[in-house]
């Protein structure tokens, strides 16, 4: 099922650097904390994502960005939990990442889980 595209920030952790883009297409502005994540304002990003105004708490896009915040703030186990919940969702959509890639939230969460597993295995964050 194709839904409106949303800019996600997770690939900033799992892929090449991304160009500036701060719009959450199809979501209330700021609800996915893309701008806060872009400027590495982790406290604000986490607060916005936990408020989840206009976004379901189980929304895979929200969970993916929450996983990104947890990884950036040294909480890989919490990141893994958020990405596992995103991966298990039955509400996957196609999204546009900050790097311009179109990818399903299922695939994006799977890639994030692989990256976290590798980091946990090597003991790095």
PDB file of N, CA and C in Angstrom:
ATOM      1  N   UNK A   1       0.840  -1.179   0.000  1.00  0.00           N
ATOM      2  CA  UNK A   1       0.000   0.000   0.000  1.00  0.00           C
ATOM      3  C   UNK A   1       0.885   1.242   0.000  1.00  0.00           C
ATOM      4  N   UNK A   2       0.631   2.147  -0.923  1.00  0.00           N
ATOM      5  CA  UNK A   2       1.416   3.384  -0.990  1.00  0.00           C
ATOM      6  C   UNK A   2       0.666   4.500  -0.289  1.00  0.00           C
ATOM      7  N   UNK A   3       1.357   5.165   0.584  1.00  0.00           N
ATOM      8  CA  UNK A   3       0.823   6.309   1.300  1.00  0.00           C
ATOM      9  C   UNK A   3       1.676   7.520   0.972  1.00  0.00           C
ATOM     10  N   UNK A   4       1.283   8.705   1.460  1.00  0.00           N
ATOM     11  CA  UNK A   4       2.133   9.873   1.227  1.00  0.00           C
ATOM     12  C   UNK A   4       3.538   9.609   1.746  1.00  0.00           C
ATOM     13  N   UNK A   5       4.504  10.225   1.098  1.00  0.00           N
ATOM     14  CA  UNK A   5       5.891  10.038   1.486  1.00  0.00           C
ATOM     15  C   UNK A   5       6.226  10.890   2.699  1.00  0.00           C
ATOM     16  N   UNK A   6       7.169  10.412   3.476  1.00  0.00           N
ATOM     17  CA  UNK A   6       7.620  11.143   4.650  1.00  0.00           C
ATOM     18  C   UNK A   6       9.145  11.122   4.669  1.00  0.00           C
ATOM     19  N   UNK A   7       9.720  12.214   5.059  1.00  0.00           N
ATOM     20  CA  UNK A   7      11.178  12.252   5.182  1.00  0.00           C
ATOM     21  C   UNK A   7      11.558  11.611   6.506  1.00  0.00           C
ATOM     22  N   UNK A   8      12.346  10.582   6.459  1.00  0.00           N
ATOM     23  CA  UNK A   8      12.817   9.919   7.666  1.00  0.00           C
ATOM     24  C   UNK A   8      14.304  10.166   7.833  1.00  0.00           C
ATOM     25  N   UNK A   9      14.742  10.134   9.041  1.00  0.00           N
ATOM     26  CA  UNK A   9      16.138  10.455   9.316  1.00  0.00           C
ATOM     27  C   UNK A   9      16.995   9.237   9.597  1.00  0.00           C
ATOM     28  N   UNK A  10      16.436   8.079   9.695  1.00  0.00           N
ATOM     29  CA  UNK A  10      17.201   6.918  10.123  1.00  0.00           C
ATOM     30  C   UNK A  10      18.384   6.626   9.233  1.00  0.00           C
ATOM     31  N   UNK A  11      18.261   6.830   7.950  1.00  0.00           N
ATOM     32  CA  UNK A  11      19.376   6.493   7.071  1.00  0.00           C
ATOM     33  C   UNK A  11      20.594   7.369   7.323  1.00  0.00           C
ATOM     34  N   UNK A  12      20.426   8.453   8.025  1.00  0.00           N
ATOM     35  CA  UNK A  12      21.603   9.237   8.384  1.00  0.00           C
ATOM     36  C   UNK A  12      22.544   8.394   9.241  1.00  0.00           C
ATOM     37  N   UNK A  13      22.007   7.460   9.952  1.00  0.00           N
ATOM     38  CA  UNK A  13      22.806   6.554  10.760  1.00  0.00           C
ATOM     39  C   UNK A  13      23.241   5.345   9.958  1.00  0.00           C
ATOM     40  N   UNK A  14      22.415   4.891   9.054  1.00  0.00           N
ATOM     41  CA  UNK A  14      22.640   3.625   8.386  1.00  0.00           C
ATOM     42  C   UNK A  14      23.110   3.736   6.954  1.00  0.00           C
ATOM     43  N   UNK A  15      23.294   4.947   6.465  1.00  0.00           N
ATOM     44  CA  UNK A  15      23.739   5.121   5.078  1.00  0.00           C
ATOM     45  C   UNK A  15      24.559   6.400   4.967  1.00  0.00           C
ATOM     46  N   UNK A  16      24.737   6.851   3.750  1.00  0.00           N
ATOM     47  CA  UNK A  16      25.553   8.041   3.479  1.00  0.00           C
ATOM     48  C   UNK A  16      24.898   9.303   4.021  1.00  0.00           C
ATOM     49  N   UNK A  17      25.676  10.370   4.194  1.00  0.00           N
ATOM     50  CA  UNK A  17      25.121  11.636   4.670  1.00  0.00           C
ATOM     51  C   UNK A  17      23.995  12.134   3.761  1.00  0.00           C
ATOM     52  N   UNK A  18      23.058  12.836   4.369  1.00  0.00           N
ATOM     53  CA  UNK A  18      21.877  13.269   3.634  1.00  0.00           C
ATOM     54  C   UNK A  18      21.862  14.781   3.458  1.00  0.00           C
ATOM     55  N   UNK A  19      21.223  15.257   2.380  1.00  0.00           N
ATOM     56  CA  UNK A  19      21.057  16.693   2.219  1.00  0.00           C
ATOM     57  C   UNK A  19      20.017  17.216   3.199  1.00  0.00           C
ATOM     58  N   UNK A  20      20.013  18.510   3.424  1.00  0.00           N
ATOM     59  CA  UNK A  20      19.048  19.106   4.346  1.00  0.00           C
ATOM     60  C   UNK A  20      17.634  18.959   3.794  1.00  0.00           C
ATOM     61  N   UNK A  21      16.755  18.470   4.612  1.00  0.00           N
ATOM     62  CA  UNK A  21      15.339  18.328   4.257  1.00  0.00           C
ATOM     63  C   UNK A  21      14.588  18.170   5.566  1.00  0.00           C
ATOM     64  N   UNK A  22      13.593  18.985   5.801  1.00  0.00           N
ATOM     65  CA  UNK A  22      12.966  18.975   7.112  1.00  0.00           C
ATOM     66  C   UNK A  22      11.450  18.872   7.055  1.00  0.00           C
ATOM     67  N   UNK A  23      10.916  18.194   6.081  1.00  0.00           N
ATOM     68  CA  UNK A  23       9.466  18.115   5.930  1.00  0.00           C
ATOM     69  C   UNK A  23       8.987  16.688   6.153  1.00  0.00           C
ATOM     70  N   UNK A  24       7.964  16.556   6.967  1.00  0.00           N
ATOM     71  CA  UNK A  24       7.314  15.264   7.164  1.00  0.00           C
ATOM     72  C   UNK A  24       6.068  15.224   6.287  1.00  0.00           C
ATOM     73  N   UNK A  25       6.180  14.718   5.084  1.00  0.00           N
ATOM     74  CA  UNK A  25       5.045  14.656   4.166  1.00  0.00           C
ATOM     75  C   UNK A  25       4.007  13.675   4.696  1.00  0.00           C
ATOM     76  N   UNK A  26       2.751  14.119   4.742  1.00  0.00           N
ATOM     77  CA  UNK A  26       1.674  13.245   5.175  1.00  0.00           C
ATOM     78  C   UNK A  26       1.536  13.131   6.682  1.00  0.00           C
ATOM     79  N   UNK A  27       2.330  13.865   7.429  1.00  0.00           N
ATOM     80  CA  UNK A  27       2.285  13.860   8.889  1.00  0.00           C
ATOM     81  C   UNK A  27       2.229  15.302   9.367  1.00  0.00           C
ATOM     82  N   UNK A  28       1.710  15.546  10.571  1.00  0.00           N
ATOM     83  CA  UNK A  28       1.752  16.902  11.112  1.00  0.00           C
ATOM     84  C   UNK A  28       3.199  17.386  11.218  1.00  0.00           C
ATOM     85  N   UNK A  29       3.433  18.638  10.867  1.00  0.00           N
ATOM     86  CA  UNK A  29       4.771  19.214  10.886  1.00  0.00           C
ATOM     87  C   UNK A  29       5.417  19.011  12.256  1.00  0.00           C
ATOM     88  N   UNK A  30       6.605  18.461  12.256  1.00  0.00           N
ATOM     89  CA  UNK A  30       7.351  18.244  13.489  1.00  0.00           C
ATOM     90  C   UNK A  30       7.055  16.942  14.202  1.00  0.00           C
ATOM     91  N   UNK A  31       6.019  16.247  13.787  1.00  0.00           N
ATOM     92  CA  UNK A  31       5.599  15.045  14.521  1.00  0.00           C
ATOM     93  C   UNK A  31       6.593  13.898  14.435  1.00  0.00           C
ATOM     94  N   UNK A  32       7.443  13.896  13.407  1.00  0.00           N
ATOM     95  CA  UNK A  32       8.465  12.855  13.284  1.00  0.00           C
ATOM     96  C   UNK A  32       9.850  13.388  13.658  1.00  0.00           C
ATOM     97  N   UNK A  33       9.911  14.617  14.121  1.00  0.00           N
ATOM     98  CA  UNK A  33      11.128  15.232  14.655  1.00  0.00           C
ATOM     99  C   UNK A  33      12.278  15.288  13.657  1.00  0.00           C
ATOM    100  N   UNK A  34      11.972  15.353  12.378  1.00  0.00           N
ATOM    101  CA  UNK A  34      13.013  15.331  11.355  1.00  0.00           C
ATOM    102  C   UNK A  34      13.972  16.513  11.511  1.00  0.00           C
ATOM    103  N   UNK A  35      13.455  17.707  11.696  1.00  0.00           N
ATOM    104  CA  UNK A  35      14.331  18.882  11.811  1.00  0.00           C
ATOM    105  C   UNK A  35      15.220  18.782  13.048  1.00  0.00           C
ATOM    106  N   UNK A  36      14.658  18.349  14.163  1.00  0.00           N
ATOM    107  CA  UNK A  36      15.451  18.208  15.394  1.00  0.00           C
ATOM    108  C   UNK A  36      16.537  17.154  15.225  1.00  0.00           C
ATOM    109  N   UNK A  37      16.217  16.064  14.541  1.00  0.00           N
ATOM    110  CA  UNK A  37      17.206  15.012  14.315  1.00  0.00           C
ATOM    111  C   UNK A  37      18.305  15.533  13.389  1.00  0.00           C
ATOM    112  N   UNK A  38      17.922  16.267  12.364  1.00  0.00           N
ATOM    113  CA  UNK A  38      18.906  16.824  11.431  1.00  0.00           C
ATOM    114  C   UNK A  38      19.934  17.697  12.140  1.00  0.00           C
ATOM    115  N   UNK A  39      19.475  18.466  13.101  1.00  0.00           N
ATOM    116  CA  UNK A  39      20.416  19.343  13.813  1.00  0.00           C
ATOM    117  C   UNK A  39      20.979  18.674  15.070  1.00  0.00           C
ATOM    118  N   UNK A  40      20.711  17.392  15.211  1.00  0.00           N
ATOM    119  CA  UNK A  40      21.206  16.567  16.309  1.00  0.00           C
ATOM    120  C   UNK A  40      20.779  17.101  17.672  1.00  0.00           C
ATOM    121  N   UNK A  41      19.578  17.623  17.728  1.00  0.00           N
ATOM    122  CA  UNK A  41      18.968  18.077  18.981  1.00  0.00           C
ATOM    123  C   UNK A  41      18.160  16.898  19.524  1.00  0.00           C
ATOM    124  N   UNK A  42      18.877  15.967  20.118  1.00  0.00           N
ATOM    125  CA  UNK A  42      18.283  14.682  20.510  1.00  0.00           C
ATOM    126  C   UNK A  42      17.203  14.828  21.572  1.00  0.00           C
ATOM    127  N   UNK A  43      17.379  15.746  22.508  1.00  0.00           N
ATOM    128  CA  UNK A  43      16.372  15.942  23.568  1.00  0.00           C
ATOM    129  C   UNK A  43      15.044  16.400  22.964  1.00  0.00           C
ATOM    130  N   UNK A  44      15.107  17.386  22.075  1.00  0.00           N
ATOM    131  CA  UNK A  44      13.886  17.869  21.424  1.00  0.00           C
ATOM    132  C   UNK A  44      13.275  16.780  20.560  1.00  0.00           C
ATOM    133  N   UNK A  45      14.107  16.079  19.807  1.00  0.00           N
ATOM    134  CA  UNK A  45      13.602  15.011  18.939  1.00  0.00           C
ATOM    135  C   UNK A  45      12.876  13.949  19.751  1.00  0.00           C
ATOM    136  N   UNK A  46      13.484  13.522  20.838  1.00  0.00           N
ATOM    137  CA  UNK A  46      12.844  12.492  21.667  1.00  0.00           C
ATOM    138  C   UNK A  46      11.529  12.997  22.249  1.00  0.00           C
ATOM    139  N   UNK A  47      11.521  14.240  22.689  1.00  0.00           N
ATOM    140  CA  UNK A  47      10.297  14.814  23.236  1.00  0.00           C
ATOM    141  C   UNK A  47       9.182  14.850  22.189  1.00  0.00           C
ATOM    142  N   UNK A  48       9.504  15.323  20.983  1.00  0.00           N
ATOM    143  CA  UNK A  48       8.503  15.377  19.906  1.00  0.00           C
ATOM    144  C   UNK A  48       7.975  13.983  19.568  1.00  0.00           C
ATOM    145  N   UNK A  49       8.877  13.021  19.475  1.00  0.00           N
ATOM    146  CA  UNK A  49       8.468  11.663  19.115  1.00  0.00           C
ATOM    147  C   UNK A  49       7.642  11.010  20.216  1.00  0.00           C
ATOM    148  N   UNK A  50       7.947  11.306  21.458  1.00  0.00           N
ATOM    149  CA  UNK A  50       7.176  10.722  22.554  1.00  0.00           C
ATOM    150  C   UNK A  50       5.827  11.395  22.738  1.00  0.00           C
ATOM    151  N   UNK A  51       5.714  12.657  22.314  1.00  0.00           N
ATOM    152  CA  UNK A  51       4.417  13.330  22.350  1.00  0.00           C
ATOM    153  C   UNK A  51       3.491  12.739  21.295  1.00  0.00           C
ATOM    154  N   UNK A  52       4.065  12.385  20.161  1.00  0.00           N
ATOM    155  CA  UNK A  52       3.356  11.732  19.061  1.00  0.00           C
ATOM    156  C   UNK A  52       2.046  12.430  18.704  1.00  0.00           C
ATOM    157  N   UNK A  53       2.062  13.746  18.638  1.00  0.00           N
ATOM    158  CA  UNK A  53       0.844  14.486  18.287  1.00  0.00           C
ATOM    159  C   UNK A  53       0.464  14.215  16.839  1.00  0.00           C
ATOM    160  N   UNK A  54      -0.727  13.672  16.630  1.00  0.00           N
ATOM    161  CA  UNK A  54      -1.220  13.387  15.293  1.00  0.00           C
ATOM    162  C   UNK A  54      -0.632  12.138  14.668  1.00  0.00           C
ATOM    163  N   UNK A  55       0.145  11.372  15.439  1.00  0.00           N
ATOM    164  CA  UNK A  55       0.773  10.148  14.925  1.00  0.00           C
ATOM    165  C   UNK A  55       0.518   9.018  15.920  1.00  0.00           C
ATOM    166  N   UNK A  56       0.122   7.880  15.388  1.00  0.00           N
ATOM    167  CA  UNK A  56      -0.092   6.715  16.254  1.00  0.00           C
ATOM    168  C   UNK A  56       1.218   6.332  16.923  1.00  0.00           C
ATOM    169  N   UNK A  57       1.150   5.896  18.151  1.00  0.00           N
ATOM    170  CA  UNK A  57       2.358   5.494  18.882  1.00  0.00           C
ATOM    171  C   UNK A  57       3.029   4.287  18.234  1.00  0.00           C
ATOM    172  N   UNK A  58       2.252   3.488  17.482  1.00  0.00           N
ATOM    173  CA  UNK A  58       2.829   2.309  16.830  1.00  0.00           C
ATOM    174  C   UNK A  58       3.169   2.562  15.357  1.00  0.00           C
ATOM    175  N   UNK A  59       3.136   3.818  14.924  1.00  0.00           N
ATOM    176  CA  UNK A  59       3.462   4.155  13.542  1.00  0.00           C
ATOM    177  C   UNK A  59       4.919   3.796  13.262  1.00  0.00           C
ATOM    178  N   UNK A  60       5.189   2.994  12.229  1.00  0.00           N
ATOM    179  CA  UNK A  60       6.567   2.586  11.957  1.00  0.00           C
ATOM    180  C   UNK A  60       7.521   3.752  11.705  1.00  0.00           C
ATOM    181  N   UNK A  61       7.070   4.809  11.039  1.00  0.00           N
ATOM    182  CA  UNK A  61       7.942   5.960  10.779  1.00  0.00           C
ATOM    183  C   UNK A  61       8.356   6.615  12.095  1.00  0.00           C
ATOM    184  N   UNK A  62       7.421   6.756  12.996  1.00  0.00           N
ATOM    185  CA  UNK A  62       7.721   7.319  14.320  1.00  0.00           C
ATOM    186  C   UNK A  62       8.713   6.433  15.062  1.00  0.00           C
ATOM    187  N   UNK A  63       8.472   5.136  15.042  1.00  0.00           N
ATOM    188  CA  UNK A  63       9.348   4.199  15.750  1.00  0.00           C
ATOM    189  C   UNK A  63      10.754   4.170  15.157  1.00  0.00           C
ATOM    190  N   UNK A  64      10.854   4.277  13.841  1.00  0.00           N
ATOM    191  CA  UNK A  64      12.168   4.304  13.192  1.00  0.00           C
ATOM    192  C   UNK A  64      12.951   5.535  13.642  1.00  0.00           C
ATOM    193  N   UNK A  65      12.316   6.683  13.640  1.00  0.00           N
ATOM    194  CA  UNK A  65      13.025   7.890  14.070  1.00  0.00           C
ATOM    195  C   UNK A  65      13.349   7.840  15.562  1.00  0.00           C
ATOM    196  N   UNK A  66      12.471   7.243  16.350  1.00  0.00           N
ATOM    197  CA  UNK A  66      12.755   7.078  17.771  1.00  0.00           C
ATOM    198  C   UNK A  66      13.981   6.173  17.954  1.00  0.00           C
ATOM    199  N   UNK A  67      14.069   5.126  17.151  1.00  0.00           N
ATOM    200  CA  UNK A  67      15.249   4.264  17.182  1.00  0.00           C
ATOM    201  C   UNK A  67      16.500   5.043  16.842  1.00  0.00           C
ATOM    202  N   UNK A  68      16.411   5.951  15.888  1.00  0.00           N
ATOM    203  CA  UNK A  68      17.552   6.794  15.508  1.00  0.00           C
ATOM    204  C   UNK A  68      18.016   7.636  16.686  1.00  0.00           C
ATOM    205  N   UNK A  69      17.067   8.223  17.409  1.00  0.00           N
ATOM    206  CA  UNK A  69      17.396   9.041  18.575  1.00  0.00           C
ATOM    207  C   UNK A  69      18.058   8.177  19.645  1.00  0.00           C
ATOM    208  N   UNK A  70      17.512   7.011  19.892  1.00  0.00           N
ATOM    209  CA  UNK A  70      18.086   6.134  20.912  1.00  0.00           C
ATOM    210  C   UNK A  70      19.514   5.718  20.555  1.00  0.00           C
ATOM    211  N   UNK A  71      19.772   5.427  19.288  1.00  0.00           N
ATOM    212  CA  UNK A  71      21.133   5.070  18.883  1.00  0.00           C
ATOM    213  C   UNK A  71      22.080   6.248  19.085  1.00  0.00           C
ATOM    214  N   UNK A  72      21.640   7.413  18.707  1.00  0.00           N
ATOM    215  CA  UNK A  72      22.493   8.598  18.804  1.00  0.00           C
ATOM    216  C   UNK A  72      22.793   8.971  20.253  1.00  0.00           C
ATOM    217  N   UNK A  73      21.942   8.551  21.163  1.00  0.00           N
ATOM    218  CA  UNK A  73      22.119   8.904  22.572  1.00  0.00           C
ATOM    219  C   UNK A  73      22.615   7.720  23.401  1.00  0.00           C
ATOM    220  N   UNK A  74      23.178   6.719  22.720  1.00  0.00           N
ATOM    221  CA  UNK A  74      23.826   5.626  23.427  1.00  0.00           C
ATOM    222  C   UNK A  74      22.914   4.602  24.059  1.00  0.00           C
ATOM    223  N   UNK A  75      21.739   4.408  23.482  1.00  0.00           N
ATOM    224  CA  UNK A  75      20.794   3.424  24.025  1.00  0.00           C
ATOM    225  C   UNK A  75      20.421   2.400  22.948  1.00  0.00           C
ATOM    226  N   UNK A  76      21.388   1.578  22.521  1.00  0.00           N
ATOM    227  CA  UNK A  76      21.131   0.652  21.418  1.00  0.00           C
ATOM    228  C   UNK A  76      20.057  -0.391  21.706  1.00  0.00           C
ATOM    229  N   UNK A  77      19.908  -0.803  22.950  1.00  0.00           N
ATOM    230  CA  UNK A  77      18.864  -1.787  23.257  1.00  0.00           C
ATOM    231  C   UNK A  77      17.475  -1.183  23.049  1.00  0.00           C
ATOM    232  N   UNK A  78      17.316   0.078  23.448  1.00  0.00           N
ATOM    233  CA  UNK A  78      16.037   0.755  23.235  1.00  0.00           C
ATOM    234  C   UNK A  78      15.810   0.991  21.745  1.00  0.00           C
ATOM    235  N   UNK A  79      16.891   1.299  21.020  1.00  0.00           N
ATOM    236  CA  UNK A  79      16.787   1.480  19.567  1.00  0.00           C
ATOM    237  C   UNK A  79      16.330   0.178  18.922  1.00  0.00           C
ATOM    238  N   UNK A  80      16.931  -0.917  19.332  1.00  0.00           N
ATOM    239  CA  UNK A  80      16.551  -2.222  18.777  1.00  0.00           C
ATOM    240  C   UNK A  80      15.079  -2.511  19.056  1.00  0.00           C
ATOM    241  N   UNK A  81      14.618  -2.233  20.275  1.00  0.00           N
ATOM    242  CA  UNK A  81      13.212  -2.456  20.610  1.00  0.00           C
ATOM    243  C   UNK A  81      12.288  -1.627  19.715  1.00  0.00           C
ATOM    244  N   UNK A  82      12.612  -0.350  19.518  1.00  0.00           N
ATOM    245  CA  UNK A  82      11.777   0.516  18.671  1.00  0.00           C
ATOM    246  C   UNK A  82      11.751  -0.009  17.239  1.00  0.00           C
ATOM    247  N   UNK A  83      12.912  -0.418  16.723  1.00  0.00           N
ATOM    248  CA  UNK A  83      12.967  -0.921  15.350  1.00  0.00           C
ATOM    249  C   UNK A  83      12.293  -2.287  15.209  1.00  0.00           C
ATOM    250  N   UNK A  84      12.359  -3.108  16.226  1.00  0.00           N
ATOM    251  CA  UNK A  84      11.645  -4.387  16.182  1.00  0.00           C
ATOM    252  C   UNK A  84      10.139  -4.154  16.125  1.00  0.00           C
ATOM    253  N   UNK A  85       9.660  -3.176  16.908  1.00  0.00           N
ATOM    254  CA  UNK A  85       8.231  -2.845  16.857  1.00  0.00           C
ATOM    255  C   UNK A  85       7.856  -2.272  15.496  1.00  0.00           C
ATOM    256  N   UNK A  86       8.730  -1.452  14.911  1.00  0.00           N
ATOM    257  CA  UNK A  86       8.476  -0.909  13.572  1.00  0.00           C
ATOM    258  C   UNK A  86       8.424  -2.042  12.554  1.00  0.00           C
ATOM    259  N   UNK A  87       9.378  -2.950  12.625  1.00  0.00           N
ATOM    260  CA  UNK A  87       9.453  -4.069  11.681  1.00  0.00           C
ATOM    261  C   UNK A  87       8.210  -4.956  11.780  1.00  0.00           C
ATOM    262  N   UNK A  88       7.717  -5.166  12.986  1.00  0.00           N
ATOM    263  CA  UNK A  88       6.562  -6.047  13.212  1.00  0.00           C
ATOM    264  C   UNK A  88       5.228  -5.403  12.838  1.00  0.00           C
ATOM    265  N   UNK A  89       5.235  -4.126  12.555  1.00  0.00           N
ATOM    266  CA  UNK A  89       3.996  -3.411  12.250  1.00  0.00           C
ATOM    267  C   UNK A  89       3.280  -3.997  11.033  1.00  0.00           C
ATOM    268  N   UNK A  90       1.982  -3.858  11.032  1.00  0.00           N
ATOM    269  CA  UNK A  90       1.175  -4.236   9.866  1.00  0.00           C
ATOM    270  C   UNK A  90       0.771  -2.987   9.081  1.00  0.00           C
ATOM    271  N   UNK A  91       1.341  -1.839   9.440  1.00  0.00           N
ATOM    272  CA  UNK A  91       0.977  -0.563   8.830  1.00  0.00           C
ATOM    273  C   UNK A  91       2.138   0.052   8.047  1.00  0.00           C
ATOM    274  N   UNK A  92       2.870  -0.745   7.319  1.00  0.00           N
ATOM    275  CA  UNK A  92       4.028  -0.237   6.588  1.00  0.00           C
ATOM    276  C   UNK A  92       3.627   0.642   5.415  1.00  0.00           C
ATOM    277  N   UNK A  93       4.477   1.623   5.142  1.00  0.00           N
ATOM    278  CA  UNK A  93       4.275   2.542   4.025  1.00  0.00           C
ATOM    279  C   UNK A  93       5.604   2.744   3.315  1.00  0.00           C
ATOM    280  N   UNK A  94       5.534   3.281   2.119  1.00  0.00           N
ATOM    281  CA  UNK A  94       6.746   3.714   1.427  1.00  0.00           C
ATOM    282  C   UNK A  94       7.064   5.109   1.923  1.00  0.00           C
ATOM    283  N   UNK A  95       8.340   5.356   2.181  1.00  0.00           N
ATOM    284  CA  UNK A  95       8.769   6.657   2.684  1.00  0.00           C
ATOM    285  C   UNK A  95       9.947   7.148   1.859  1.00  0.00           C
ATOM    286  N   UNK A  96      10.179   8.438   1.935  1.00  0.00           N
ATOM    287  CA  UNK A  96      11.357   9.028   1.327  1.00  0.00           C
ATOM    288  C   UNK A  96      12.297   9.419   2.450  1.00  0.00           C
ATOM    289  N   UNK A  97      13.512   8.921   2.401  1.00  0.00           N
ATOM    290  CA  UNK A  97      14.492   9.240   3.432  1.00  0.00           C
ATOM    291  C   UNK A  97      15.100  10.604   3.159  1.00  0.00           C
ATOM    292  N   UNK A  98      15.864  11.100   4.102  1.00  0.00           N
ATOM    293  CA  UNK A  98      16.532  12.381   3.922  1.00  0.00           C
ATOM    294  C   UNK A  98      17.501  12.356   2.755  1.00  0.00           C
ATOM    295  N   UNK A  99      17.995  11.177   2.416  1.00  0.00           N
ATOM    296  CA  UNK A  99      18.916  11.070   1.281  1.00  0.00           C
ATOM    297  C   UNK A  99      18.180  10.932  -0.049  1.00  0.00           C
ATOM    298  N   UNK A 100      16.830  10.951  -0.005  1.00  0.00           N
ATOM    299  CA  UNK A 100      16.039  10.888  -1.226  1.00  0.00           C
ATOM    300  C   UNK A 100      15.662   9.494  -1.678  1.00  0.00           C
ATOM    301  N   UNK A 101      16.010   8.486  -0.916  1.00  0.00           N
ATOM    302  CA  UNK A 101      15.692   7.102  -1.264  1.00  0.00           C
ATOM    303  C   UNK A 101      14.239   6.785  -0.906  1.00  0.00           C
ATOM    304  N   UNK A 102      13.539   6.113  -1.819  1.00  0.00           N
ATOM    305  CA  UNK A 102      12.189   5.633  -1.534  1.00  0.00           C
ATOM    306  C   UNK A 102      12.328   4.191  -1.058  1.00  0.00           C
ATOM    307  N   UNK A 103      11.775   3.912   0.120  1.00  0.00           N
ATOM    308  CA  UNK A 103      11.932   2.594   0.737  1.00  0.00           C
ATOM    309  C   UNK A 103      10.753   2.350   1.670  1.00  0.00           C
ATOM    310  N   UNK A 104      10.384   1.097   1.865  1.00  0.00           N
ATOM    311  CA  UNK A 104       9.282   0.795   2.781  1.00  0.00           C
ATOM    312  C   UNK A 104       9.786   0.877   4.222  1.00  0.00           C
ATOM    313  N   UNK A 105       8.897   1.221   5.121  1.00  0.00           N
ATOM    314  CA  UNK A 105       9.282   1.262   6.524  1.00  0.00           C
ATOM    315  C   UNK A 105       9.693  -0.124   7.009  1.00  0.00           C
ATOM    316  N   UNK A 106       9.144  -1.165   6.426  1.00  0.00           N
ATOM    317  CA  UNK A 106       9.559  -2.522   6.811  1.00  0.00           C
ATOM    318  C   UNK A 106      11.032  -2.750   6.458  1.00  0.00           C
ATOM    319  N   UNK A 107      11.418  -2.391   5.241  1.00  0.00           N
ATOM    320  CA  UNK A 107      12.798  -2.579   4.808  1.00  0.00           C
ATOM    321  C   UNK A 107      13.739  -1.660   5.588  1.00  0.00           C
ATOM    322  N   UNK A 108      13.323  -0.439   5.833  1.00  0.00           N
ATOM    323  CA  UNK A 108      14.149   0.506   6.566  1.00  0.00           C
ATOM    324  C   UNK A 108      14.384   0.026   7.999  1.00  0.00           C
ATOM    325  N   UNK A 109      13.341  -0.489   8.628  1.00  0.00           N
ATOM    326  CA  UNK A 109      13.515  -1.006   9.988  1.00  0.00           C
ATOM    327  C   UNK A 109      14.392  -2.254   9.980  1.00  0.00           C
ATOM    328  N   UNK A 110      14.274  -3.093   8.960  1.00  0.00           N
ATOM    329  CA  UNK A 110      15.124  -4.284   8.855  1.00  0.00           C
ATOM    330  C   UNK A 110      16.590  -3.877   8.727  1.00  0.00           C
ATOM    331  N   UNK A 111      16.863  -2.899   7.883  1.00  0.00           N
ATOM    332  CA  UNK A 111      18.237  -2.418   7.720  1.00  0.00           C
ATOM    333  C   UNK A 111      18.779  -1.845   9.029  1.00  0.00           C
ATOM    334  N   UNK A 112      17.946  -1.105   9.717  1.00  0.00           N
ATOM    335  CA  UNK A 112      18.356  -0.549  11.007  1.00  0.00           C
ATOM    336  C   UNK A 112      18.659  -1.632  12.022  1.00  0.00           C
ATOM    337  N   UNK A 113      17.841  -2.673  12.050  1.00  0.00           N
ATOM    338  CA  UNK A 113      18.085  -3.790  12.976  1.00  0.00           C
ATOM    339  C   UNK A 113      19.400  -4.486  12.663  1.00  0.00           C
ATOM    340  N   UNK A 114      19.705  -4.657  11.387  1.00  0.00           N
ATOM    341  CA  UNK A 114      20.989  -5.270  11.005  1.00  0.00           C
ATOM    342  C   UNK A 114      22.153  -4.416  11.488  1.00  0.00           C
ATOM    343  N   UNK A 115      22.034  -3.118  11.308  1.00  0.00           N
ATOM    344  CA  UNK A 115      23.115  -2.212  11.714  1.00  0.00           C
ATOM    345  C   UNK A 115      23.302  -2.220  13.229  1.00  0.00           C
ATOM    346  N   UNK A 116      22.200  -2.218  13.963  1.00  0.00           N
ATOM    347  CA  UNK A 116      22.286  -2.258  15.423  1.00  0.00           C
ATOM    348  C   UNK A 116      22.908  -3.566  15.885  1.00  0.00           C
ATOM    349  N   UNK A 117      22.508  -4.670  15.286  1.00  0.00           N
ATOM    350  CA  UNK A 117      23.074  -5.968  15.653  1.00  0.00           C
ATOM    351  C   UNK A 117      24.587  -5.967  15.449  1.00  0.00           C
ATOM    352  N   UNK A 118      25.025  -5.410  14.343  1.00  0.00           N
ATOM    353  CA  UNK A 118      26.462  -5.353  14.057  1.00  0.00           C
ATOM    354  C   UNK A 118      27.178  -4.478  15.089  1.00  0.00           C
ATOM    355  N   UNK A 119      26.585  -3.361  15.441  1.00  0.00           N
ATOM    356  CA  UNK A 119      27.196  -2.465  16.417  1.00  0.00           C
ATOM    357  C   UNK A 119      27.244  -3.108  17.797  1.00  0.00           C
ATOM    358  N   UNK A 120      26.183  -3.779  18.178  1.00  0.00           N
ATOM    359  CA  UNK A 120      26.160  -4.444  19.474  1.00  0.00           C
ATOM    360  C   UNK A 120      27.188  -5.579  19.523  1.00  0.00           C
ATOM    361  N   UNK A 121      27.344  -6.263  18.408  1.00  0.00           N
ATOM    362  CA  UNK A 121      28.310  -7.360  18.325  1.00  0.00           C
ATOM    363  C   UNK A 121      29.740  -6.862  18.498  1.00  0.00           C
ATOM    364  N   UNK A 122      30.034  -5.717  17.924  1.00  0.00           N
ATOM    365  CA  UNK A 122      31.399  -5.184  18.006  1.00  0.00           C
ATOM    366  C   UNK A 122      31.591  -4.304  19.236  1.00  0.00           C
ATOM    367  N   UNK A 123      30.482  -4.009  19.927  1.00  0.00           N
ATOM    368  CA  UNK A 123      30.575  -3.185  21.125  1.00  0.00           C
ATOM    369  C   UNK A 123      30.676  -1.702  20.858  1.00  0.00           C
ATOM    370  N   UNK A 124      30.462  -1.274  19.597  1.00  0.00           N
ATOM    371  CA  UNK A 124      30.512   0.163  19.284  1.00  0.00           C
ATOM    372  C   UNK A 124      29.103   0.706  19.154  1.00  0.00           C
ATOM    373  N   UNK A 125      29.008   2.049  19.218  1.00  0.00           N
ATOM    374  CA  UNK A 125      27.694   2.683  19.057  1.00  0.00           C
ATOM    375  C   UNK A 125      27.720   3.716  18.023  1.00  0.00           C
TER     376      UNK A 125
END
